[in-house]
mmCIF file of all heavy atoms, coordinates in Angstrom:
data_MODEL
# 
_entry.id   MODEL 
# 
loop_
_atom_site.group_PDB 
_atom_site.id 
_atom_site.type_symbol 
_atom_site.label_atom_id 
_atom_site.label_alt_id 
_atom_site.label_comp_id 
_atom_site.label_asym_id 
_atom_site.label_entity_id 
_atom_site.label_seq_id 
_atom_site.pdbx_PDB_ins_code 
_atom_site.Cartn_x 
_atom_site.Cartn_y 
_atom_site.Cartn_z 
_atom_site.occupancy 
_atom_site.B_iso_or_equiv 
_atom_site.pdbx_formal_charge 
_atom_site.auth_seq_id 
_atom_site.auth_comp_id 
_atom_site.auth_asym_id 
_atom_site.auth_atom_id 
_atom_site.pdbx_PDB_model_num 
ATOM 1   N N   . ALA A 1 1  ? -3.546 17.011  -4.931 1.00 0.00 ? 1  ALA A N   1 
ATOM 2   C CA  . ALA A 1 1  ? -2.247 16.348  -5.045 1.00 0.00 ? 1  ALA A CA  1 
ATOM 3   C C   . ALA A 1 1  ? -1.932 15.540  -3.814 1.00 0.00 ? 1  ALA A C   1 
ATOM 4   O O   . ALA A 1 1  ? -1.415 14.427  -3.882 1.00 0.00 ? 1  ALA A O   1 
ATOM 5   C CB  . ALA A 1 1  ? -1.147 17.392  -5.293 1.00 0.00 ? 1  ALA A CB  1 
ATOM 6   N N   . SER A 1 2  ? -2.270 16.105  -2.663 1.00 0.00 ? 2  SER A N   1 
ATOM 7   C CA  . SER A 1 2  ? -2.010 15.377  -1.418 1.00 0.00 ? 2  SER A CA  1 
ATOM 8   C C   . SER A 1 2  ? -2.823 14.110  -1.344 1.00 0.00 ? 2  SER A C   1 
ATOM 9   O O   . SER A 1 2  ? -2.364 13.059  -0.893 1.00 0.00 ? 2  SER A O   1 
ATOM 10  C CB  . SER A 1 2  ? -2.332 16.273  -0.208 1.00 0.00 ? 2  SER A CB  1 
ATOM 11  O OG  . SER A 1 2  ? -1.533 17.436  -0.255 1.00 0.00 ? 2  SER A OG  1 
ATOM 12  N N   . ALA A 1 3  ? -4.070 14.189  -1.787 1.00 0.00 ? 3  ALA A N   1 
ATOM 13  C CA  . ALA A 1 3  ? -4.939 13.010  -1.762 1.00 0.00 ? 3  ALA A CA  1 
ATOM 14  C C   . ALA A 1 3  ? -4.451 11.942  -2.726 1.00 0.00 ? 3  ALA A C   1 
ATOM 15  O O   . ALA A 1 3  ? -4.576 10.751  -2.480 1.00 0.00 ? 3  ALA A O   1 
ATOM 16  C CB  . ALA A 1 3  ? -6.374 13.421  -2.099 1.00 0.00 ? 3  ALA A CB  1 
ATOM 17  N N   . THR A 1 4  ? -3.883 12.392  -3.876 1.00 0.00 ? 4  THR A N   1 
ATOM 18  C CA  . THR A 1 4  ? -3.422 11.439  -4.882 1.00 0.00 ? 4  THR A CA  1 
ATOM 19  C C   . THR A 1 4  ? -2.251 10.612  -4.382 1.00 0.00 ? 4  THR A C   1 
ATOM 20  O O   . THR A 1 4  ? -2.170 9.411   -4.602 1.00 0.00 ? 4  THR A O   1 
ATOM 21  C CB  . THR A 1 4  ? -3.030 12.183  -6.172 1.00 0.00 ? 4  THR A CB  1 
ATOM 22  O OG1 . THR A 1 4  ? -4.130 12.925  -6.610 1.00 0.00 ? 4  THR A OG1 1 
ATOM 23  C CG2 . THR A 1 4  ? -2.571 11.199  -7.245 1.00 0.00 ? 4  THR A CG2 1 
ATOM 24  N N   . HIS A 1 5  ? -1.324 11.264  -3.649 1.00 0.00 ? 5  HIS A N   1 
ATOM 25  C CA  . HIS A 1 5  ? -0.110 10.578  -3.211 1.00 0.00 ? 5  HIS A CA  1 
ATOM 26  C C   . HIS A 1 5  ? -0.235 9.999   -1.820 1.00 0.00 ? 5  HIS A C   1 
ATOM 27  O O   . HIS A 1 5  ? 0.708  9.414   -1.315 1.00 0.00 ? 5  HIS A O   1 
ATOM 28  C CB  . HIS A 1 5  ? 1.080  11.564  -3.244 1.00 0.00 ? 5  HIS A CB  1 
ATOM 29  C CG  . HIS A 1 5  ? 1.414  12.023  -4.642 1.00 0.00 ? 5  HIS A CG  1 
ATOM 30  N ND1 . HIS A 1 5  ? 2.044  11.200  -5.547 1.00 0.00 ? 5  HIS A ND1 1 
ATOM 31  C CD2 . HIS A 1 5  ? 1.170  13.205  -5.265 1.00 0.00 ? 5  HIS A CD2 1 
ATOM 32  C CE1 . HIS A 1 5  ? 2.213  11.866  -6.700 1.00 0.00 ? 5  HIS A CE1 1 
ATOM 33  N NE2 . HIS A 1 5  ? 1.682  13.076  -6.541 1.00 0.00 ? 5  HIS A NE2 1 
ATOM 34  N N   . ALA A 1 6  ? -1.362 10.174  -1.214 1.00 0.00 ? 6  ALA A N   1 
ATOM 35  C CA  . ALA A 1 6  ? -1.514 9.659   0.148  1.00 0.00 ? 6  ALA A CA  1 
ATOM 36  C C   . ALA A 1 6  ? -1.619 8.148   0.128  1.00 0.00 ? 6  ALA A C   1 
ATOM 37  O O   . ALA A 1 6  ? -2.255 7.563   -0.738 1.00 0.00 ? 6  ALA A O   1 
ATOM 38  C CB  . ALA A 1 6  ? -2.768 10.253  0.795  1.00 0.00 ? 6  ALA A CB  1 
ATOM 39  N N   . PRO A 1 7  ? -0.956 7.417   1.070  1.00 0.00 ? 7  PRO A N   1 
ATOM 40  C CA  . PRO A 1 7  ? -1.069 5.953   1.110  1.00 0.00 ? 7  PRO A CA  1 
ATOM 41  C C   . PRO A 1 7  ? -2.486 5.519   1.423  1.00 0.00 ? 7  PRO A C   1 
ATOM 42  O O   . PRO A 1 7  ? -3.177 6.160   2.200  1.00 0.00 ? 7  PRO A O   1 
ATOM 43  C CB  . PRO A 1 7  ? -0.108 5.556   2.240  1.00 0.00 ? 7  PRO A CB  1 
ATOM 44  C CG  . PRO A 1 7  ? 0.532  6.799   2.745  1.00 0.00 ? 7  PRO A CG  1 
ATOM 45  C CD  . PRO A 1 7  ? -0.111 7.953   2.114  1.00 0.00 ? 7  PRO A CD  1 
ATOM 46  N N   . GLY A 1 8  ? -2.886 4.424   0.813  1.00 0.00 ? 8  GLY A N   1 
ATOM 47  C CA  . GLY A 1 8  ? -4.203 3.868   1.074  1.00 0.00 ? 8  GLY A CA  1 
ATOM 48  C C   . GLY A 1 8  ? -5.260 4.343   0.118  1.00 0.00 ? 8  GLY A C   1 
ATOM 49  O O   . GLY A 1 8  ? -6.375 3.858   0.155  1.00 0.00 ? 8  GLY A O   1 
ATOM 50  N N   . VAL A 1 9  ? -4.934 5.278   -0.749 1.00 0.00 ? 9  VAL A N   1 
ATOM 51  C CA  . VAL A 1 9  ? -5.908 5.765   -1.709 1.00 0.00 ? 9  VAL A CA  1 
ATOM 52  C C   . VAL A 1 9  ? -5.602 5.126   -3.056 1.00 0.00 ? 9  VAL A C   1 
ATOM 53  O O   . VAL A 1 9  ? -4.629 5.482   -3.703 1.00 0.00 ? 9  VAL A O   1 
ATOM 54  C CB  . VAL A 1 9  ? -5.861 7.305   -1.818 1.00 0.00 ? 9  VAL A CB  1 
ATOM 55  C CG1 . VAL A 1 9  ? -6.874 7.791   -2.855 1.00 0.00 ? 9  VAL A CG1 1 
ATOM 56  C CG2 . VAL A 1 9  ? -6.123 7.941   -0.469 1.00 0.00 ? 9  VAL A CG2 1 
ATOM 57  N N   . GLY A 1 10 ? -6.418 4.158   -3.480 1.00 0.00 ? 10 GLY A N   1 
ATOM 58  C CA  . GLY A 1 10 ? -6.273 3.511   -4.788 1.00 0.00 ? 10 GLY A CA  1 
ATOM 59  C C   . GLY A 1 10 ? -5.261 2.385   -4.817 1.00 0.00 ? 10 GLY A C   1 
ATOM 60  O O   . GLY A 1 10 ? -5.105 1.736   -5.828 1.00 0.00 ? 10 GLY A O   1 
ATOM 61  N N   . GLN A 1 11 ? -4.489 2.128   -3.732 1.00 0.00 ? 11 GLN A N   1 
ATOM 62  C CA  . GLN A 1 11 ? -3.518 1.034   -3.705 1.00 0.00 ? 11 GLN A CA  1 
ATOM 63  C C   . GLN A 1 11 ? -3.303 0.578   -2.275 1.00 0.00 ? 11 GLN A C   1 
ATOM 64  O O   . GLN A 1 11 ? -3.505 1.346   -1.341 1.00 0.00 ? 11 GLN A O   1 
ATOM 65  C CB  . GLN A 1 11 ? -2.182 1.499   -4.311 1.00 0.00 ? 11 GLN A CB  1 
ATOM 66  C CG  . GLN A 1 11 ? -1.571 2.696   -3.584 1.00 0.00 ? 11 GLN A CG  1 
ATOM 67  C CD  . GLN A 1 11 ? -0.272 3.151   -4.224 1.00 0.00 ? 11 GLN A CD  1 
ATOM 68  O OE1 . GLN A 1 11 ? 0.215  2.511   -5.126 1.00 0.00 ? 11 GLN A OE1 1 
ATOM 69  N NE2 . GLN A 1 11 ? 0.262  4.258   -3.751 1.00 0.00 ? 11 GLN A NE2 1 
ATOM 70  N N   . PRO A 1 12 ? -2.896 -0.723  -2.085 1.00 0.00 ? 12 PRO A N   1 
ATOM 71  C CA  . PRO A 1 12 ? -2.689 -1.215  -0.726 1.00 0.00 ? 12 PRO A CA  1 
ATOM 72  C C   . PRO A 1 12 ? -1.528 -0.489  -0.066 1.00 0.00 ? 12 PRO A C   1 
ATOM 73  O O   . PRO A 1 12 ? -0.584 -0.062  -0.733 1.00 0.00 ? 12 PRO A O   1 
ATOM 74  C CB  . PRO A 1 12 ? -2.369 -2.703  -0.933 1.00 0.00 ? 12 PRO A CB  1 
ATOM 75  C CG  . PRO A 1 12 ? -2.793 -3.018  -2.312 1.00 0.00 ? 12 PRO A CG  1 
ATOM 76  C CD  . PRO A 1 12 ? -2.688 -1.757  -3.097 1.00 0.00 ? 12 PRO A CD  1 
ATOM 77  N N   . SER A 1 13 ? -1.586 -0.375  1.213  1.00 0.00 ? 13 SER A N   1 
ATOM 78  C CA  . SER A 1 13 ? -0.507 0.274   1.955  1.00 0.00 ? 13 SER A CA  1 
ATOM 79  C C   . SER A 1 13 ? 0.692  -0.651  2.016  1.00 0.00 ? 13 SER A C   1 
ATOM 80  O O   . SER A 1 13 ? 0.563  -1.871  1.891  1.00 0.00 ? 13 SER A O   1 
ATOM 81  C CB  . SER A 1 13 ? -0.984 0.602   3.371  1.00 0.00 ? 13 SER A CB  1 
ATOM 82  O OG  . SER A 1 13 ? -1.258 -0.590  4.070  1.00 0.00 ? 13 SER A OG  1 
ATOM 83  N N   . PRO A 1 14 ? 1.907  -0.112  2.199  1.00 0.00 ? 14 PRO A N   1 
ATOM 84  C CA  . PRO A 1 14 ? 3.098  -0.967  2.289  1.00 0.00 ? 14 PRO A CA  1 
ATOM 85  C C   . PRO A 1 14 ? 2.996  -2.003  3.389  1.00 0.00 ? 14 PRO A C   1 
ATOM 86  O O   . PRO A 1 14 ? 3.512  -3.111  3.260  1.00 0.00 ? 14 PRO A O   1 
ATOM 87  C CB  . PRO A 1 14 ? 4.222  0.041   2.569  1.00 0.00 ? 14 PRO A CB  1 
ATOM 88  C CG  . PRO A 1 14 ? 3.729  1.330   2.008  1.00 0.00 ? 14 PRO A CG  1 
ATOM 89  C CD  . PRO A 1 14 ? 2.252  1.325   2.238  1.00 0.00 ? 14 PRO A CD  1 
ATOM 90  N N   . SER A 1 15 ? 2.320  -1.699  4.477  1.00 0.00 ? 15 SER A N   1 
ATOM 91  C CA  . SER A 1 15 ? 2.193  -2.654  5.581  1.00 0.00 ? 15 SER A CA  1 
ATOM 92  C C   . SER A 1 15 ? 1.371  -3.868  5.173  1.00 0.00 ? 15 SER A C   1 
ATOM 93  O O   . SER A 1 15 ? 1.539  -4.951  5.713  1.00 0.00 ? 15 SER A O   1 
ATOM 94  C CB  . SER A 1 15 ? 1.553  -1.974  6.790  1.00 0.00 ? 15 SER A CB  1 
ATOM 95  O OG  . SER A 1 15 ? 0.261  -1.495  6.456  1.00 0.00 ? 15 SER A OG  1 
ATOM 96  N N   . VAL A 1 16 ? 0.480  -3.730  4.182  1.00 0.00 ? 16 VAL A N   1 
ATOM 97  C CA  . VAL A 1 16 ? -0.317 -4.853  3.692  1.00 0.00 ? 16 VAL A CA  1 
ATOM 98  C C   . VAL A 1 16 ? 0.462  -5.630  2.640  1.00 0.00 ? 16 VAL A C   1 
ATOM 99  O O   . VAL A 1 16 ? 0.400  -6.853  2.560  1.00 0.00 ? 16 VAL A O   1 
ATOM 100 C CB  . VAL A 1 16 ? -1.660 -4.358  3.123  1.00 0.00 ? 16 VAL A CB  1 
ATOM 101 C CG1 . VAL A 1 16 ? -2.445 -5.508  2.520  1.00 0.00 ? 16 VAL A CG1 1 
ATOM 102 C CG2 . VAL A 1 16 ? -2.467 -3.658  4.214  1.00 0.00 ? 16 VAL A CG2 1 
ATOM 103 N N   . GLN A 1 17 ? 1.249  -4.939  1.777  1.00 0.00 ? 17 GLN A N   1 
ATOM 104 C CA  . GLN A 1 17 ? 1.989  -5.590  0.704  1.00 0.00 ? 17 GLN A CA  1 
ATOM 105 C C   . GLN A 1 17 ? 3.126  -6.462  1.220  1.00 0.00 ? 17 GLN A C   1 
ATOM 106 O O   . GLN A 1 17 ? 3.365  -7.562  0.717  1.00 0.00 ? 17 GLN A O   1 
ATOM 107 C CB  . GLN A 1 17 ? 2.555  -4.534  -0.257 1.00 0.00 ? 17 GLN A CB  1 
ATOM 108 C CG  . GLN A 1 17 ? 1.510  -3.877  -1.138 1.00 0.00 ? 17 GLN A CG  1 
ATOM 109 C CD  . GLN A 1 17 ? 2.142  -2.836  -2.043 1.00 0.00 ? 17 GLN A CD  1 
ATOM 110 O OE1 . GLN A 1 17 ? 3.096  -2.178  -1.650 1.00 0.00 ? 17 GLN A OE1 1 
ATOM 111 N NE2 . GLN A 1 17 ? 1.601  -2.707  -3.236 1.00 0.00 ? 17 GLN A NE2 1 
ATOM 112 N N   . GLU A 1 18 ? 3.839  -6.017  2.227  1.00 0.00 ? 18 GLU A N   1 
ATOM 113 C CA  . GLU A 1 18 ? 5.026  -6.726  2.688  1.00 0.00 ? 18 GLU A CA  1 
ATOM 114 C C   . GLU A 1 18 ? 4.710  -8.131  3.201  1.00 0.00 ? 18 GLU A C   1 
ATOM 115 O O   . GLU A 1 18 ? 5.396  -9.087  2.829  1.00 0.00 ? 18 GLU A O   1 
ATOM 116 C CB  . GLU A 1 18 ? 5.742  -5.900  3.761  1.00 0.00 ? 18 GLU A CB  1 
ATOM 117 C CG  . GLU A 1 18 ? 6.407  -4.664  3.174  1.00 0.00 ? 18 GLU A CG  1 
ATOM 118 C CD  . GLU A 1 18 ? 7.059  -3.805  4.254  1.00 0.00 ? 18 GLU A CD  1 
ATOM 119 O OE1 . GLU A 1 18 ? 7.038  -4.247  5.420  1.00 0.00 ? 18 GLU A OE1 1 
ATOM 120 O OE2 . GLU A 1 18 ? 7.579  -2.741  3.919  1.00 0.00 ? 18 GLU A OE2 1 
ATOM 121 N N   . PRO A 1 19 ? 3.688  -8.361  4.049  1.00 0.00 ? 19 PRO A N   1 
ATOM 122 C CA  . PRO A 1 19 ? 3.382  -9.741  4.458  1.00 0.00 ? 19 PRO A CA  1 
ATOM 123 C C   . PRO A 1 19 ? 2.979  -10.634 3.289  1.00 0.00 ? 19 PRO A C   1 
ATOM 124 O O   . PRO A 1 19 ? 3.330  -11.815 3.253  1.00 0.00 ? 19 PRO A O   1 
ATOM 125 C CB  . PRO A 1 19 ? 2.232  -9.570  5.450  1.00 0.00 ? 19 PRO A CB  1 
ATOM 126 C CG  . PRO A 1 19 ? 2.359  -8.176  5.950  1.00 0.00 ? 19 PRO A CG  1 
ATOM 127 C CD  . PRO A 1 19 ? 2.874  -7.387  4.795  1.00 0.00 ? 19 PRO A CD  1 
ATOM 128 N N   . ALA A 1 20 ? 2.257  -10.080 2.320  1.00 0.00 ? 20 ALA A N   1 
ATOM 129 C CA  . ALA A 1 20 ? 1.864  -10.882 1.154  1.00 0.00 ? 20 ALA A CA  1 
ATOM 130 C C   . ALA A 1 20 ? 3.081  -11.305 0.350  1.00 0.00 ? 20 ALA A C   1 
ATOM 131 O O   . ALA A 1 20 ? 3.186  -12.454 -0.081 1.00 0.00 ? 20 ALA A O   1 
ATOM 132 C CB  . ALA A 1 20 ? 0.895  -10.083 0.280  1.00 0.00 ? 20 ALA A CB  1 
ATOM 133 N N   . LEU A 1 21 ? 4.032  -10.378 0.147  1.00 0.00 ? 21 LEU A N   1 
ATOM 134 C CA  . LEU A 1 21 ? 5.258  -10.721 -0.572 1.00 0.00 ? 21 LEU A CA  1 
ATOM 135 C C   . LEU A 1 21 ? 6.088  -11.732 0.208  1.00 0.00 ? 21 LEU A C   1 
ATOM 136 O O   . LEU A 1 21 ? 6.699  -12.636 -0.372 1.00 0.00 ? 21 LEU A O   1 
ATOM 137 C CB  . LEU A 1 21 ? 6.077  -9.451  -0.832 1.00 0.00 ? 21 LEU A CB  1 
ATOM 138 C CG  . LEU A 1 21 ? 5.463  -8.456  -1.817 1.00 0.00 ? 21 LEU A CG  1 
ATOM 139 C CD1 . LEU A 1 21 ? 6.313  -7.188  -1.873 1.00 0.00 ? 21 LEU A CD1 1 
ATOM 140 C CD2 . LEU A 1 21 ? 5.367  -9.075  -3.209 1.00 0.00 ? 21 LEU A CD2 1 
ATOM 141 N N   . ALA A 1 22 ? 6.106  -11.593 1.518  1.00 0.00 ? 22 ALA A N   1 
ATOM 142 C CA  . ALA A 1 22 ? 6.868  -12.537 2.343  1.00 0.00 ? 22 ALA A CA  1 
ATOM 143 C C   . ALA A 1 22 ? 6.272  -13.939 2.254  1.00 0.00 ? 22 ALA A C   1 
ATOM 144 O O   . ALA A 1 22 ? 6.999  -14.932 2.146  1.00 0.00 ? 22 ALA A O   1 
ATOM 145 C CB  . ALA A 1 22 ? 6.898  -12.058 3.791  1.00 0.00 ? 22 ALA A CB  1 
ATOM 146 N N   . ARG A 1 23 ? 4.932  -14.011 2.297  1.00 0.00 ? 23 ARG A N   1 
ATOM 147 C CA  . ARG A 1 23 ? 4.293  -15.327 2.181  1.00 0.00 ? 23 ARG A CA  1 
ATOM 148 C C   . ARG A 1 23 ? 4.560  -15.943 0.821  1.00 0.00 ? 23 ARG A C   1 
ATOM 149 O O   . ARG A 1 23 ? 4.804  -17.139 0.704  1.00 0.00 ? 23 ARG A O   1 
ATOM 150 C CB  . ARG A 1 23 ? 2.785  -15.189 2.434  1.00 0.00 ? 23 ARG A CB  1 
ATOM 151 C CG  . ARG A 1 23 ? 2.413  -14.963 3.900  1.00 0.00 ? 23 ARG A CG  1 
ATOM 152 C CD  . ARG A 1 23 ? 0.926  -15.189 4.109  1.00 0.00 ? 23 ARG A CD  1 
ATOM 153 N NE  . ARG A 1 23 ? 0.127  -14.275 3.315  1.00 0.00 ? 23 ARG A NE  1 
ATOM 154 C CZ  . ARG A 1 23 ? -0.280 -13.078 3.725  1.00 0.00 ? 23 ARG A CZ  1 
ATOM 155 N NH1 . ARG A 1 23 ? 0.080  -12.643 4.943  1.00 0.00 ? 23 ARG A NH1 1 
ATOM 156 N NH2 . ARG A 1 23 ? -1.026 -12.305 2.959  1.00 0.00 ? 23 ARG A NH2 1 
ATOM 157 N N   . ARG A 1 24 ? 4.495  -15.105 -0.210 1.00 0.00 ? 24 ARG A N   1 
ATOM 158 C CA  . ARG A 1 24 ? 4.753  -15.604 -1.559 1.00 0.00 ? 24 ARG A CA  1 
ATOM 159 C C   . ARG A 1 24 ? 6.198  -16.093 -1.684 1.00 0.00 ? 24 ARG A C   1 
ATOM 160 O O   . ARG A 1 24 ? 6.487  -17.096 -2.323 1.00 0.00 ? 24 ARG A O   1 
ATOM 161 C CB  . ARG A 1 24 ? 4.472  -14.505 -2.573 1.00 0.00 ? 24 ARG A CB  1 
ATOM 162 C CG  . ARG A 1 24 ? 4.190  -15.028 -3.982 1.00 0.00 ? 24 ARG A CG  1 
ATOM 163 C CD  . ARG A 1 24 ? 3.856  -13.883 -4.906 1.00 0.00 ? 24 ARG A CD  1 
ATOM 164 N NE  . ARG A 1 24 ? 2.864  -12.973 -4.312 1.00 0.00 ? 24 ARG A NE  1 
ATOM 165 C CZ  . ARG A 1 24 ? 2.682  -11.714 -4.667 1.00 0.00 ? 24 ARG A CZ  1 
ATOM 166 N NH1 . ARG A 1 24 ? 3.460  -11.191 -5.612 1.00 0.00 ? 24 ARG A NH1 1 
ATOM 167 N NH2 . ARG A 1 24 ? 1.764  -10.962 -4.098 1.00 0.00 ? 24 ARG A NH2 1 
# 
């Protein structure tokens, strides 16, 4: 369960998503 909800496993981390959304 911990591995499933941990950031960076299977999805980009929030720190990576925010700059992409800002650029968009």
